Amino acid sequence: MASFSLQLLTSFLALSLGAAVPVDHMLETRDFTAEAGLTVTDNYNTLFRIQRQSGLSQALDARRRIRRNKVVLNELAEDPDDSEDANIFANGFRQNEYIVKVKIGGDEFSLVPDTGSSDTWVVADGFKCLAPFSGLEIPQEDCGLGTPFKGDFPNGKIDNINLNISYESGEYINGPMGFANITVANVTVPKQQFALVNVAAFQGDEVSSGILGLGLRGLTEAFKGNDPTKDTIADLVNYSPFVESMGTSKVADSILGFALSRDDKRSYISFGGVPPVKTGEYVTVPIQKGNFNEKTDYFFYEVAVDSISWNSSTISQEATNLPHMIVDSATTINLFPLNVATAINNAFTPAAKQQEGGLVWNVACDAVPPTLNIVIGGKTIRTSPGSMTINETASDGSVQCVSGIGAGQPNSYILGDTFMEEIIAVFDASHKKQMKFAQRLD
């Protein structure tokens, strides 16, 4: 893990929380999209936000976001006692997720668009719902998955291949793989490989039927064979995921655009270009390679972070020499190194309170968050103050709040929706392997 430093700034940042950002009217005549080598596309859909049911939170589970199979990392927990953090997030909150409508074959499903995983899967009709760790079969509704896929693979099944994803929270999904035409935002990828999950030890959101995997080839998790209990690293077979297939099938460039917002009418996902929203100047940075099991490849949309700075009426601090971070659309909060997260949460007024386990902070719903700036590629990206506090409904119906900043684990520090809201994030999975970011001005 890269080291990092935390230091006092010599002076307060010039812009205080809520201060107006000065407008350079010369910039209004510039086409920042074209300058960044991007095009505005009609291939975009509105995203809508939902709250998960009470129970273990997918969105806030840092452990769960490590999207590598047990047989790949070979370091995930085998039973509840091996992972003391596995149940930290069973706190009764309803967490937020973004959802997109996707057509698979001739039917439409609600899926979670996930840049932190690469496999697209939908729960199959008649699937087995299992309790994590014990493996006992439980009622299907306990898995909290949406409308199941009925029937067989529209464009044929792949013999002797299974999808096998395990999470350190103890959850896992398995199922056969095959092909279907998959359509989202007017883009149809023909004969895209995906999975019909027939075994799920999983806690869903009761709306989405699965995941639209938008990650890179190195993170795909197909294995030779039909028995997932026998899968090993030698059986791993990487394949072309959805975003890569957009380019190879020539239906759109292998580019994603996310314009997230707490306002559903302003949340978009685009394919092949960016949605029609007004932005400032873009910054472009390379996607960083990672290393798993002595293999170096592009696994995540991982970027270098120059610095993180935050200030309140009494505190002004900066962290530098930071580890790389994963830009992940399916994680609600940012997950920073522990002492950075602690310092930022202490800068709330009043200060946020650390939950048991130390990875998530509770905060007063009317707390004033610090101003948070993240510098990537030499450009400062301002975090929306409204994204720093997340309103949640507890199981007893009361409204509680958590901080938008949590603590991650080595190799899983994340820039989640807290970072991505009110900016444009562009994921270029083509040969360029780049990320682009710009502040929203609409």
Foldseek 3Di string as FASTA:
>chain_A
DWDKDKFADPDFDPDFPPRDDDDDVVQVPDDQQVVVVFDADLLKDFKDKDWFFQFADPQQQQQQLPWAACQFQVDADLACVRDVSLRLRNFQWTDMAIWFWKDWAHDIFIAGEKLSAFAWEFAAPQAFAAAFNVRHTDDPVQQLAEDHDYDDRPADWDPQKKFWIATSSRWIWMFTKWFTFMDGSRFTQHGAIHGHTRYTNHHDRNGGRYHQGLYAQVRGAMFGGDDVVPGHPVRGDGDGGDLNSCVVVVRAASKKKWADAPDSVRTMIGHRGYHPFAFGHKAKFFQAWDDIPNDTDRHASKADWAKKWWAHPPGTMIMGSADIAGEIAGHLAFAGAQVVLQVQQVRKVPHWDARPVQFWTWDAPPIFGIWMWIAGNNDTQTFDRVSQKDWTQGPVRDITIIGRYTHHDVVHGYDYNSRNHQKMWMQRNPPRRMIMITGTDD
